[in-house]
N, C-alpha and C. Protein backbone atom coordinates (compact mmCIF):
# COMPACT_ATOMS: atom_id res chain seq x y z
N MET A 1 -15.46 51.14 -51.99
CA MET A 1 -14.77 49.90 -51.68
C MET A 1 -13.43 50.17 -51.02
N ALA A 2 -12.71 51.22 -51.60
CA ALA A 2 -11.41 51.58 -51.03
C ALA A 2 -11.56 52.10 -49.62
N ASN A 3 -12.63 52.92 -49.40
CA ASN A 3 -12.85 53.43 -48.06
C ASN A 3 -13.12 52.31 -47.07
N THR A 4 -13.85 51.30 -47.52
CA THR A 4 -14.14 50.16 -46.64
C THR A 4 -12.87 49.42 -46.26
N LEU A 5 -11.99 49.18 -47.23
CA LEU A 5 -10.72 48.50 -46.95
C LEU A 5 -9.85 49.32 -46.02
N ASP A 6 -9.83 50.64 -46.25
CA ASP A 6 -9.05 51.51 -45.37
C ASP A 6 -9.58 51.47 -43.94
N LYS A 7 -10.91 51.47 -43.83
CA LYS A 7 -11.50 51.42 -42.50
C LYS A 7 -11.18 50.12 -41.80
N VAL A 8 -11.25 49.02 -42.56
CA VAL A 8 -10.92 47.71 -41.98
C VAL A 8 -9.46 47.67 -41.54
N ALA A 9 -8.57 48.23 -42.38
CA ALA A 9 -7.15 48.28 -42.03
C ALA A 9 -6.93 49.12 -40.79
N GLU A 10 -7.61 50.26 -40.71
CA GLU A 10 -7.49 51.14 -39.54
C GLU A 10 -7.94 50.44 -38.27
N GLU A 11 -9.10 49.79 -38.34
CA GLU A 11 -9.61 49.09 -37.17
C GLU A 11 -8.70 47.93 -36.77
N THR A 12 -8.15 47.22 -37.76
CA THR A 12 -7.26 46.10 -37.47
C THR A 12 -6.00 46.57 -36.75
N VAL A 13 -5.42 47.66 -37.26
CA VAL A 13 -4.20 48.19 -36.63
C VAL A 13 -4.49 48.67 -35.22
N ARG A 14 -5.63 49.36 -35.05
CA ARG A 14 -5.99 49.84 -33.72
C ARG A 14 -6.19 48.67 -32.75
N SER A 15 -6.81 47.59 -33.23
CA SER A 15 -7.01 46.41 -32.38
C SER A 15 -5.67 45.78 -32.01
N LEU A 16 -4.75 45.73 -32.98
CA LEU A 16 -3.43 45.16 -32.68
C LEU A 16 -2.68 46.02 -31.67
N GLU A 17 -2.79 47.34 -31.82
CA GLU A 17 -2.14 48.24 -30.86
C GLU A 17 -2.70 48.04 -29.45
N THR A 18 -4.03 47.94 -29.35
CA THR A 18 -4.66 47.75 -28.04
C THR A 18 -4.22 46.44 -27.39
N ARG A 19 -4.19 45.38 -28.19
CA ARG A 19 -3.79 44.09 -27.66
C ARG A 19 -2.34 44.10 -27.20
N LEU A 20 -1.47 44.73 -27.98
CA LEU A 20 -0.07 44.79 -27.60
C LEU A 20 0.11 45.57 -26.30
N ARG A 21 -0.63 46.69 -26.16
CA ARG A 21 -0.53 47.49 -24.93
C ARG A 21 -1.03 46.69 -23.74
N ARG A 22 -2.09 45.90 -23.94
CA ARG A 22 -2.61 45.09 -22.84
C ARG A 22 -1.61 44.02 -22.42
N ILE A 23 -1.00 43.36 -23.42
CA ILE A 23 0.00 42.34 -23.10
C ILE A 23 1.18 42.97 -22.35
N GLU A 24 1.60 44.14 -22.81
CA GLU A 24 2.71 44.82 -22.15
C GLU A 24 2.36 45.21 -20.73
N PHE A 25 1.12 45.64 -20.52
CA PHE A 25 0.69 46.03 -19.18
C PHE A 25 0.63 44.82 -18.25
N VAL A 26 0.12 43.68 -18.76
CA VAL A 26 0.04 42.47 -17.95
C VAL A 26 1.42 41.98 -17.54
N LEU A 27 2.40 42.07 -18.46
CA LEU A 27 3.73 41.53 -18.20
C LEU A 27 4.58 42.45 -17.35
N SER A 28 4.49 43.77 -17.58
CA SER A 28 5.38 44.70 -16.89
C SER A 28 4.67 45.67 -15.97
N GLY A 29 3.34 45.75 -16.05
CA GLY A 29 2.60 46.68 -15.20
C GLY A 29 2.52 48.07 -15.75
N THR A 30 3.19 48.32 -16.84
CA THR A 30 3.14 49.64 -17.49
C THR A 30 2.92 49.44 -18.97
N SER A 31 2.46 50.49 -19.62
CA SER A 31 2.24 50.43 -21.08
C SER A 31 2.65 51.76 -21.67
N GLU A 32 3.61 51.71 -22.59
CA GLU A 32 4.07 52.95 -23.21
C GLU A 32 3.02 53.49 -24.18
N ASP A 33 3.00 54.79 -24.29
CA ASP A 33 2.10 55.42 -25.26
C ASP A 33 2.63 55.21 -26.68
N PRO A 34 1.76 55.27 -27.69
CA PRO A 34 2.24 55.13 -29.07
C PRO A 34 3.35 56.13 -29.35
N ILE A 35 4.28 55.74 -30.17
CA ILE A 35 5.43 56.60 -30.44
C ILE A 35 4.97 57.89 -31.09
N SER A 36 5.71 58.95 -30.79
CA SER A 36 5.27 60.27 -31.24
C SER A 36 5.37 60.42 -32.75
N ASP A 37 6.20 59.58 -33.41
CA ASP A 37 6.32 59.73 -34.86
C ASP A 37 5.01 59.41 -35.58
N LEU A 38 4.15 58.63 -34.97
CA LEU A 38 2.90 58.29 -35.62
C LEU A 38 1.99 59.51 -35.75
N PHE A 39 2.07 60.40 -34.76
CA PHE A 39 1.21 61.58 -34.83
C PHE A 39 1.66 62.53 -35.94
N ALA A 40 2.92 62.44 -36.29
CA ALA A 40 3.40 63.31 -37.38
C ALA A 40 2.87 62.84 -38.72
N LEU A 41 2.38 61.59 -38.77
CA LEU A 41 1.86 61.04 -40.02
C LEU A 41 0.34 61.18 -40.14
N ARG A 42 -0.27 61.93 -39.26
CA ARG A 42 -1.72 62.03 -39.27
C ARG A 42 -2.22 62.65 -40.55
N ASN A 43 -1.48 63.62 -41.06
CA ASN A 43 -1.91 64.29 -42.28
C ASN A 43 -1.42 63.61 -43.54
N ALA A 44 -0.63 62.56 -43.39
CA ALA A 44 -0.13 61.83 -44.56
C ALA A 44 -1.20 60.89 -45.07
N GLY A 45 -0.91 60.20 -46.18
CA GLY A 45 -1.87 59.25 -46.73
C GLY A 45 -2.15 58.13 -45.76
N ARG A 46 -3.36 57.60 -45.76
CA ARG A 46 -3.75 56.58 -44.80
C ARG A 46 -2.92 55.31 -44.99
N GLU A 47 -2.55 55.02 -46.27
CA GLU A 47 -1.78 53.80 -46.53
C GLU A 47 -0.42 53.89 -45.84
N ASN A 48 0.23 55.07 -45.97
CA ASN A 48 1.52 55.25 -45.31
C ASN A 48 1.36 55.18 -43.80
N SER A 49 0.27 55.72 -43.28
CA SER A 49 0.03 55.69 -41.85
C SER A 49 -0.12 54.26 -41.34
N VAL A 50 -0.85 53.44 -42.07
CA VAL A 50 -1.02 52.04 -41.68
C VAL A 50 0.31 51.31 -41.69
N HIS A 51 1.09 51.52 -42.74
CA HIS A 51 2.40 50.88 -42.82
C HIS A 51 3.30 51.32 -41.66
N ALA A 52 3.28 52.62 -41.36
CA ALA A 52 4.12 53.13 -40.28
C ALA A 52 3.69 52.55 -38.94
N ARG A 53 2.39 52.46 -38.73
CA ARG A 53 1.90 51.93 -37.46
C ARG A 53 2.22 50.45 -37.32
N LEU A 54 2.12 49.70 -38.43
CA LEU A 54 2.48 48.29 -38.40
C LEU A 54 3.97 48.12 -38.09
N ALA A 55 4.80 48.98 -38.69
CA ALA A 55 6.24 48.92 -38.41
C ALA A 55 6.51 49.23 -36.95
N ALA A 56 5.77 50.24 -36.42
CA ALA A 56 5.96 50.57 -35.01
C ALA A 56 5.52 49.42 -34.11
N LEU A 57 4.45 48.75 -34.49
CA LEU A 57 3.99 47.60 -33.70
C LEU A 57 5.02 46.47 -33.72
N GLU A 58 5.60 46.22 -34.89
CA GLU A 58 6.62 45.18 -34.97
C GLU A 58 7.84 45.56 -34.13
N HIS A 59 8.18 46.84 -34.13
CA HIS A 59 9.31 47.29 -33.33
C HIS A 59 9.02 47.11 -31.84
N ASP A 60 7.81 47.51 -31.41
CA ASP A 60 7.44 47.36 -30.00
C ASP A 60 7.37 45.89 -29.60
N LEU A 61 6.88 45.04 -30.50
CA LEU A 61 6.81 43.61 -30.21
C LEU A 61 8.21 43.02 -30.06
N ALA A 62 9.14 43.47 -30.88
CA ALA A 62 10.52 42.99 -30.76
C ALA A 62 11.12 43.40 -29.41
N LYS A 63 10.84 44.64 -28.98
CA LYS A 63 11.33 45.08 -27.66
C LYS A 63 10.70 44.26 -26.55
N LEU A 64 9.42 43.96 -26.71
CA LEU A 64 8.73 43.17 -25.69
C LEU A 64 9.30 41.76 -25.61
N CYS A 65 9.67 41.21 -26.76
CA CYS A 65 10.28 39.87 -26.77
C CYS A 65 11.61 39.86 -26.03
N LYS A 66 12.36 40.96 -26.15
CA LYS A 66 13.64 41.05 -25.45
C LYS A 66 13.44 41.14 -23.93
N LYS A 67 12.35 41.80 -23.51
CA LYS A 67 12.11 41.96 -22.09
C LYS A 67 11.43 40.76 -21.46
N SER A 68 10.66 40.00 -22.22
CA SER A 68 9.87 38.89 -21.68
C SER A 68 10.23 37.60 -22.40
N THR A 69 10.69 36.62 -21.62
CA THR A 69 11.00 35.30 -22.20
C THR A 69 9.73 34.59 -22.63
N ALA A 70 8.62 34.81 -21.87
CA ALA A 70 7.37 34.14 -22.21
C ALA A 70 6.86 34.57 -23.58
N VAL A 71 6.96 35.88 -23.87
CA VAL A 71 6.50 36.36 -25.17
C VAL A 71 7.37 35.81 -26.28
N LYS A 72 8.68 35.77 -26.04
CA LYS A 72 9.60 35.24 -27.06
C LYS A 72 9.29 33.76 -27.35
N GLU A 73 9.06 32.99 -26.27
CA GLU A 73 8.74 31.58 -26.47
C GLU A 73 7.41 31.40 -27.19
N MET A 74 6.44 32.28 -26.91
CA MET A 74 5.16 32.20 -27.60
C MET A 74 5.30 32.53 -29.08
N ILE A 75 6.11 33.53 -29.40
CA ILE A 75 6.34 33.88 -30.80
C ILE A 75 7.04 32.73 -31.53
N ASP A 76 8.04 32.13 -30.86
CA ASP A 76 8.74 30.99 -31.47
C ASP A 76 7.79 29.81 -31.67
N LEU A 77 6.91 29.61 -30.69
CA LEU A 77 5.95 28.52 -30.82
C LEU A 77 5.00 28.76 -32.00
N HIS A 78 4.56 30.02 -32.15
CA HIS A 78 3.68 30.35 -33.28
C HIS A 78 4.40 30.20 -34.61
N ARG A 79 5.69 30.53 -34.62
CA ARG A 79 6.46 30.43 -35.86
C ARG A 79 6.70 28.96 -36.24
N ASN A 80 6.95 28.11 -35.25
CA ASN A 80 7.28 26.71 -35.54
C ASN A 80 6.03 25.83 -35.67
N TYR A 81 4.99 26.15 -34.92
CA TYR A 81 3.78 25.31 -34.95
C TYR A 81 2.55 26.21 -35.12
N PRO A 82 2.36 26.79 -36.26
CA PRO A 82 1.23 27.71 -36.45
C PRO A 82 -0.13 27.02 -36.41
N GLU A 83 -0.15 25.69 -36.62
CA GLU A 83 -1.44 25.01 -36.69
C GLU A 83 -2.15 24.98 -35.35
N ILE A 84 -1.41 25.04 -34.24
CA ILE A 84 -2.08 24.98 -32.94
C ILE A 84 -2.78 26.28 -32.59
N PHE A 85 -2.48 27.36 -33.33
CA PHE A 85 -3.12 28.64 -33.07
C PHE A 85 -4.32 28.89 -33.98
N LYS A 86 -4.62 27.93 -34.84
CA LYS A 86 -5.75 28.09 -35.73
C LYS A 86 -7.04 27.86 -34.97
N THR A 87 -8.00 28.73 -35.18
CA THR A 87 -9.31 28.60 -34.54
C THR A 87 -10.23 27.78 -35.43
N HIS A 88 -10.99 26.91 -34.81
CA HIS A 88 -11.94 26.08 -35.55
C HIS A 88 -13.21 26.88 -35.80
N PRO A 89 -13.74 26.84 -36.99
CA PRO A 89 -14.97 27.60 -37.28
C PRO A 89 -16.14 27.06 -36.48
N HIS A 90 -16.92 27.98 -35.96
CA HIS A 90 -18.10 27.59 -35.19
C HIS A 90 -19.19 27.07 -36.12
N ALA A 91 -20.03 26.26 -35.56
CA ALA A 91 -21.14 25.71 -36.35
C ALA A 91 -22.09 26.83 -36.75
N THR A 92 -22.53 26.81 -37.97
CA THR A 92 -23.45 27.84 -38.45
C THR A 92 -24.83 27.59 -37.88
N SER A 93 -25.64 28.61 -37.97
CA SER A 93 -26.99 28.50 -37.41
C SER A 93 -27.83 27.49 -38.17
N SER A 94 -27.45 27.25 -39.45
CA SER A 94 -28.25 26.30 -40.22
C SER A 94 -27.94 24.85 -39.87
N SER A 95 -26.75 24.61 -39.28
CA SER A 95 -26.40 23.24 -38.94
C SER A 95 -27.13 22.82 -37.68
N PRO A 96 -27.52 21.58 -37.57
CA PRO A 96 -28.25 21.14 -36.39
C PRO A 96 -27.36 21.16 -35.15
N SER A 97 -27.87 21.65 -34.02
CA SER A 97 -27.11 21.72 -32.78
C SER A 97 -27.00 20.37 -32.11
N SER A 98 -27.90 19.46 -32.39
CA SER A 98 -27.86 18.14 -31.76
C SER A 98 -28.67 17.18 -32.60
N THR A 99 -28.27 15.92 -32.52
CA THR A 99 -29.00 14.88 -33.25
C THR A 99 -30.07 14.23 -32.40
N LEU A 100 -30.20 14.67 -31.13
CA LEU A 100 -31.19 14.08 -30.24
C LEU A 100 -32.57 14.66 -30.52
N THR A 101 -33.54 13.83 -30.37
CA THR A 101 -34.92 14.28 -30.50
C THR A 101 -35.36 14.97 -29.21
N PRO A 102 -36.42 15.76 -29.25
CA PRO A 102 -36.89 16.41 -28.02
C PRO A 102 -37.19 15.42 -26.90
N SER A 103 -37.76 14.27 -27.23
CA SER A 103 -38.04 13.28 -26.18
C SER A 103 -36.77 12.74 -25.56
N GLU A 104 -35.73 12.54 -26.37
CA GLU A 104 -34.45 12.07 -25.84
C GLU A 104 -33.79 13.13 -24.95
N LYS A 105 -33.88 14.38 -25.37
CA LYS A 105 -33.35 15.45 -24.53
C LYS A 105 -34.09 15.52 -23.20
N LEU A 106 -35.42 15.39 -23.24
CA LEU A 106 -36.21 15.42 -22.02
C LEU A 106 -35.85 14.25 -21.12
N SER A 107 -35.63 13.09 -21.70
CA SER A 107 -35.25 11.92 -20.91
C SER A 107 -33.90 12.13 -20.23
N THR A 108 -32.97 12.77 -20.94
CA THR A 108 -31.65 13.05 -20.36
C THR A 108 -31.76 14.00 -19.19
N VAL A 109 -32.58 15.04 -19.35
CA VAL A 109 -32.76 16.02 -18.27
C VAL A 109 -33.41 15.37 -17.06
N LEU A 110 -34.44 14.56 -17.29
CA LEU A 110 -35.13 13.91 -16.19
C LEU A 110 -34.23 12.91 -15.46
N THR A 111 -33.34 12.27 -16.20
CA THR A 111 -32.41 11.34 -15.56
C THR A 111 -31.45 12.06 -14.63
N ALA A 112 -31.00 13.23 -15.02
CA ALA A 112 -30.04 13.99 -14.21
C ALA A 112 -30.72 14.82 -13.13
N ALA A 113 -32.04 14.92 -13.16
CA ALA A 113 -32.74 15.78 -12.20
C ALA A 113 -32.51 15.37 -10.75
N PRO A 114 -32.58 14.06 -10.39
CA PRO A 114 -32.36 13.70 -8.98
C PRO A 114 -31.00 14.13 -8.44
N SER A 115 -29.96 13.97 -9.24
CA SER A 115 -28.63 14.37 -8.77
C SER A 115 -28.55 15.88 -8.59
N ILE A 116 -29.26 16.63 -9.44
CA ILE A 116 -29.27 18.08 -9.29
C ILE A 116 -29.95 18.47 -7.98
N HIS A 117 -31.08 17.84 -7.68
CA HIS A 117 -31.78 18.13 -6.43
C HIS A 117 -30.95 17.73 -5.23
N THR A 118 -30.26 16.58 -5.33
CA THR A 118 -29.42 16.13 -4.21
C THR A 118 -28.29 17.12 -3.96
N THR A 119 -27.63 17.54 -5.03
CA THR A 119 -26.54 18.50 -4.88
C THR A 119 -27.05 19.81 -4.31
N SER A 120 -28.21 20.25 -4.76
CA SER A 120 -28.78 21.49 -4.25
C SER A 120 -29.09 21.37 -2.76
N SER A 121 -29.64 20.22 -2.35
CA SER A 121 -29.94 20.02 -0.93
C SER A 121 -28.67 20.01 -0.09
N GLN A 122 -27.63 19.38 -0.61
CA GLN A 122 -26.37 19.34 0.14
C GLN A 122 -25.77 20.73 0.28
N LEU A 123 -25.81 21.52 -0.79
CA LEU A 123 -25.30 22.88 -0.71
C LEU A 123 -26.12 23.73 0.27
N THR A 124 -27.43 23.53 0.25
CA THR A 124 -28.29 24.27 1.19
C THR A 124 -27.98 23.87 2.63
N SER A 125 -27.74 22.56 2.84
CA SER A 125 -27.40 22.09 4.18
C SER A 125 -26.08 22.69 4.65
N ILE A 126 -25.11 22.76 3.75
CA ILE A 126 -23.83 23.36 4.12
C ILE A 126 -24.00 24.84 4.44
N ARG A 127 -24.83 25.51 3.66
CA ARG A 127 -25.05 26.94 3.90
C ARG A 127 -25.74 27.17 5.23
N ASP A 128 -26.67 26.29 5.60
CA ASP A 128 -27.43 26.47 6.84
C ASP A 128 -26.69 25.95 8.07
N THR A 129 -25.56 25.26 7.87
CA THR A 129 -24.82 24.75 9.04
C THR A 129 -24.23 25.92 9.81
N PRO A 130 -24.54 26.03 11.09
CA PRO A 130 -24.02 27.17 11.86
C PRO A 130 -22.52 27.06 12.09
N ILE A 131 -21.86 28.19 12.14
CA ILE A 131 -20.43 28.22 12.44
C ILE A 131 -20.25 28.02 13.94
N PRO A 132 -19.35 27.13 14.37
CA PRO A 132 -19.16 26.90 15.81
C PRO A 132 -18.75 28.17 16.54
N ASP A 133 -19.13 28.20 17.82
CA ASP A 133 -18.79 29.35 18.65
C ASP A 133 -17.27 29.44 18.79
N PRO A 134 -16.69 30.59 18.49
CA PRO A 134 -15.21 30.70 18.61
C PRO A 134 -14.73 30.48 20.03
N ASN A 135 -15.56 30.77 21.03
CA ASN A 135 -15.14 30.53 22.41
C ASN A 135 -14.92 29.04 22.68
N VAL A 136 -15.80 28.22 22.08
CA VAL A 136 -15.64 26.77 22.25
C VAL A 136 -14.33 26.31 21.62
N SER A 137 -14.02 26.82 20.44
CA SER A 137 -12.77 26.47 19.78
C SER A 137 -11.57 26.92 20.60
N ALA A 138 -11.68 28.11 21.19
CA ALA A 138 -10.58 28.61 22.02
C ALA A 138 -10.39 27.73 23.26
N ASP A 139 -11.50 27.29 23.86
CA ASP A 139 -11.39 26.40 25.02
C ASP A 139 -10.74 25.07 24.64
N LEU A 140 -11.11 24.55 23.48
CA LEU A 140 -10.49 23.29 23.04
C LEU A 140 -9.00 23.46 22.78
N ILE A 141 -8.62 24.58 22.20
CA ILE A 141 -7.20 24.84 21.96
C ILE A 141 -6.45 24.96 23.28
N ALA A 142 -7.09 25.56 24.28
CA ALA A 142 -6.45 25.68 25.58
C ALA A 142 -6.25 24.33 26.25
N LEU A 143 -7.05 23.34 25.89
CA LEU A 143 -6.93 22.01 26.48
C LEU A 143 -5.85 21.15 25.82
N ILE A 144 -5.28 21.63 24.74
CA ILE A 144 -4.28 20.83 24.03
C ILE A 144 -3.10 20.43 24.91
N PRO A 145 -2.52 21.34 25.73
CA PRO A 145 -1.40 20.90 26.60
C PRO A 145 -1.80 19.79 27.56
N ARG A 146 -3.00 19.90 28.14
CA ARG A 146 -3.45 18.84 29.05
C ARG A 146 -3.66 17.53 28.31
N ILE A 147 -4.20 17.63 27.11
CA ILE A 147 -4.41 16.41 26.31
C ILE A 147 -3.07 15.76 25.99
N ASN A 148 -2.07 16.58 25.67
CA ASN A 148 -0.75 16.02 25.36
C ASN A 148 -0.15 15.34 26.59
N ARG A 149 -0.30 15.96 27.77
CA ARG A 149 0.23 15.33 28.99
C ARG A 149 -0.51 14.03 29.29
N ALA A 150 -1.84 14.03 29.10
CA ALA A 150 -2.60 12.81 29.32
C ALA A 150 -2.16 11.71 28.35
N GLU A 151 -1.83 12.09 27.13
CA GLU A 151 -1.37 11.09 26.15
C GLU A 151 -0.04 10.49 26.57
N VAL A 152 0.86 11.34 27.13
CA VAL A 152 2.14 10.83 27.62
C VAL A 152 1.92 9.85 28.76
N VAL A 153 1.03 10.20 29.69
CA VAL A 153 0.73 9.30 30.82
C VAL A 153 0.14 7.98 30.31
N GLN A 154 -0.76 8.08 29.32
CA GLN A 154 -1.36 6.87 28.76
C GLN A 154 -0.31 5.97 28.11
N GLN A 155 0.62 6.56 27.41
CA GLN A 155 1.67 5.76 26.79
C GLN A 155 2.55 5.09 27.85
N THR A 156 2.84 5.82 28.94
CA THR A 156 3.63 5.23 30.03
C THR A 156 2.90 4.07 30.66
N GLN A 157 1.60 4.24 30.92
CA GLN A 157 0.81 3.16 31.50
C GLN A 157 0.73 1.96 30.56
N ALA A 158 0.64 2.22 29.26
CA ALA A 158 0.60 1.12 28.31
C ALA A 158 1.89 0.32 28.34
N ARG A 159 3.04 1.01 28.47
CA ARG A 159 4.31 0.29 28.58
C ARG A 159 4.39 -0.51 29.86
N GLU A 160 3.90 0.05 30.97
CA GLU A 160 3.92 -0.68 32.24
C GLU A 160 3.02 -1.91 32.19
N ILE A 161 1.85 -1.76 31.58
CA ILE A 161 0.94 -2.91 31.45
C ILE A 161 1.57 -4.00 30.60
N ALA A 162 2.25 -3.61 29.53
CA ALA A 162 2.92 -4.60 28.69
C ALA A 162 4.01 -5.33 29.47
N GLU A 163 4.74 -4.61 30.33
CA GLU A 163 5.77 -5.26 31.14
C GLU A 163 5.15 -6.22 32.16
N LEU A 164 4.03 -5.81 32.77
CA LEU A 164 3.34 -6.70 33.71
C LEU A 164 2.83 -7.95 33.01
N ARG A 165 2.33 -7.81 31.81
CA ARG A 165 1.88 -8.99 31.07
C ARG A 165 3.03 -9.93 30.78
N ARG A 166 4.18 -9.38 30.44
CA ARG A 166 5.35 -10.22 30.16
C ARG A 166 5.78 -10.97 31.41
N ARG A 167 5.82 -10.25 32.56
CA ARG A 167 6.22 -10.91 33.81
C ARG A 167 5.20 -11.95 34.25
N SER A 168 3.92 -11.65 34.04
CA SER A 168 2.88 -12.64 34.40
C SER A 168 3.02 -13.90 33.54
N ALA A 169 3.30 -13.71 32.26
CA ALA A 169 3.49 -14.88 31.40
C ALA A 169 4.70 -15.69 31.84
N ALA A 170 5.78 -15.00 32.25
CA ALA A 170 6.97 -15.71 32.73
C ALA A 170 6.66 -16.49 34.01
N LEU A 171 5.89 -15.90 34.92
CA LEU A 171 5.53 -16.60 36.17
C LEU A 171 4.66 -17.81 35.88
N LEU A 172 3.69 -17.67 34.97
CA LEU A 172 2.85 -18.82 34.63
C LEU A 172 3.66 -19.94 34.00
N GLU A 173 4.62 -19.58 33.17
CA GLU A 173 5.48 -20.60 32.57
C GLU A 173 6.32 -21.30 33.63
N ARG A 174 6.86 -20.54 34.60
CA ARG A 174 7.66 -21.14 35.67
C ARG A 174 6.82 -22.04 36.55
N ARG A 175 5.58 -21.60 36.88
CA ARG A 175 4.71 -22.42 37.70
C ARG A 175 4.36 -23.72 36.98
N TYR A 176 4.15 -23.64 35.70
CA TYR A 176 3.82 -24.85 34.95
C TYR A 176 4.99 -25.82 34.94
N LEU A 177 6.21 -25.26 34.73
CA LEU A 177 7.38 -26.14 34.67
C LEU A 177 7.70 -26.75 36.02
N LEU A 178 7.65 -25.92 37.09
CA LEU A 178 8.01 -26.41 38.42
C LEU A 178 6.87 -27.13 39.13
N GLY A 179 5.65 -26.73 38.86
CA GLY A 179 4.50 -27.31 39.56
C GLY A 179 3.96 -28.53 38.84
N ILE A 180 3.34 -28.30 37.73
CA ILE A 180 2.66 -29.40 37.04
C ILE A 180 3.65 -30.41 36.49
N GLU A 181 4.66 -29.92 35.74
CA GLU A 181 5.63 -30.85 35.19
C GLU A 181 6.43 -31.54 36.28
N GLY A 182 6.79 -30.81 37.35
CA GLY A 182 7.54 -31.43 38.46
C GLY A 182 6.75 -32.52 39.17
N VAL A 183 5.45 -32.25 39.42
CA VAL A 183 4.61 -33.25 40.08
C VAL A 183 4.45 -34.48 39.19
N ASN A 184 4.26 -34.26 37.90
CA ASN A 184 4.12 -35.38 36.98
C ASN A 184 5.38 -36.25 36.97
N GLU A 185 6.54 -35.61 36.97
CA GLU A 185 7.78 -36.37 36.98
C GLU A 185 7.92 -37.14 38.31
N CYS A 186 7.49 -36.52 39.41
CA CYS A 186 7.55 -37.19 40.71
C CYS A 186 6.65 -38.43 40.74
N PHE A 187 5.41 -38.27 40.27
CA PHE A 187 4.49 -39.41 40.22
C PHE A 187 5.02 -40.51 39.31
N SER A 188 5.63 -40.12 38.20
CA SER A 188 6.18 -41.11 37.30
C SER A 188 7.30 -41.90 37.97
N GLU A 189 8.14 -41.20 38.71
CA GLU A 189 9.22 -41.88 39.42
C GLU A 189 8.67 -42.81 40.48
N TRP A 190 7.63 -42.37 41.22
CA TRP A 190 7.04 -43.24 42.24
C TRP A 190 6.43 -44.49 41.61
N ASP A 191 5.79 -44.31 40.46
CA ASP A 191 5.21 -45.47 39.78
C ASP A 191 6.29 -46.49 39.40
N GLU A 192 7.40 -46.00 38.91
CA GLU A 192 8.47 -46.91 38.53
C GLU A 192 9.03 -47.65 39.76
N ARG A 193 9.23 -46.93 40.84
CA ARG A 193 9.76 -47.57 42.06
C ARG A 193 8.76 -48.57 42.65
N THR A 194 7.49 -48.19 42.62
CA THR A 194 6.46 -49.12 43.13
C THR A 194 6.42 -50.38 42.29
N LEU A 195 6.55 -50.22 40.96
CA LEU A 195 6.54 -51.38 40.08
C LEU A 195 7.75 -52.27 40.35
N GLU A 196 8.92 -51.69 40.59
CA GLU A 196 10.10 -52.49 40.90
C GLU A 196 9.93 -53.25 42.21
N ILE A 197 9.39 -52.57 43.22
CA ILE A 197 9.17 -53.24 44.52
C ILE A 197 8.16 -54.37 44.38
N ASP A 198 7.11 -54.14 43.59
CA ASP A 198 6.10 -55.18 43.38
C ASP A 198 6.72 -56.40 42.70
N LYS A 199 7.58 -56.16 41.74
CA LYS A 199 8.25 -57.28 41.06
C LYS A 199 9.16 -58.04 42.03
N LEU A 200 9.88 -57.29 42.88
CA LEU A 200 10.77 -57.94 43.85
C LEU A 200 9.99 -58.78 44.84
N LEU A 201 8.87 -58.29 45.34
CA LEU A 201 8.06 -59.06 46.29
C LEU A 201 7.47 -60.30 45.62
N SER A 202 7.03 -60.15 44.39
CA SER A 202 6.47 -61.30 43.68
C SER A 202 7.54 -62.38 43.50
N ARG A 203 8.77 -61.99 43.21
CA ARG A 203 9.84 -62.96 43.03
C ARG A 203 10.15 -63.67 44.35
N LYS A 204 10.16 -62.94 45.44
CA LYS A 204 10.47 -63.56 46.74
C LYS A 204 9.35 -64.50 47.19
N LEU A 205 8.12 -64.14 46.88
CA LEU A 205 7.00 -65.02 47.24
C LEU A 205 7.08 -66.34 46.48
N ARG A 206 7.42 -66.27 45.22
CA ARG A 206 7.56 -67.50 44.43
C ARG A 206 8.69 -68.36 44.96
N MET A 207 9.79 -67.73 45.33
CA MET A 207 10.92 -68.48 45.87
C MET A 207 10.56 -69.13 47.20
N ALA A 208 9.76 -68.44 48.03
CA ALA A 208 9.38 -69.01 49.34
C ALA A 208 8.43 -70.17 49.14
N GLU A 209 7.57 -70.11 48.17
CA GLU A 209 6.63 -71.19 47.92
C GLU A 209 7.35 -72.43 47.38
N GLU A 210 8.44 -72.21 46.62
CA GLU A 210 9.18 -73.34 46.09
C GLU A 210 10.00 -74.00 47.20
């Protein structure tokens, strides 16, 4: 029993050492070798060796915290909120993996089958789409300056057309005011004068008859 506990302790310490070296390598790109004092304890009792190695690990972890802010913040987070680091036990083999019946599972698979085939067809279509000839792309890129010049010309022509439309509208308005409205006013004036003359003639005819 004691040998089993010692073996478990040995494996646990070795695993902690490996993990610490990996973290140190990821953060700094280098990993220091275990301190030489540990090798001097090889012939000592295993219990003392485990304690010494744990102390060395704590010492190395403290140095790593000084060098890395991320590690220090992670340690503080574990110290203040240990519940978020707890792992949830996995479901045992005896517990049911699902409450669905085989027919319900089959129905779910068959329902999703069309979308799987559609996605597969789309991916196959994308894979089979040929890559455009790079020469064609180069020719299109070479045409960009001409396209930009043509766009400038088009914008200039659009401004000129807008100015012509404005001037045409002004001319139509002037023609309407001077032509149609002027003629209407002239006819109206003639009608009034004709009516006055007609009244004057009618009055003179009555006076001559009397």
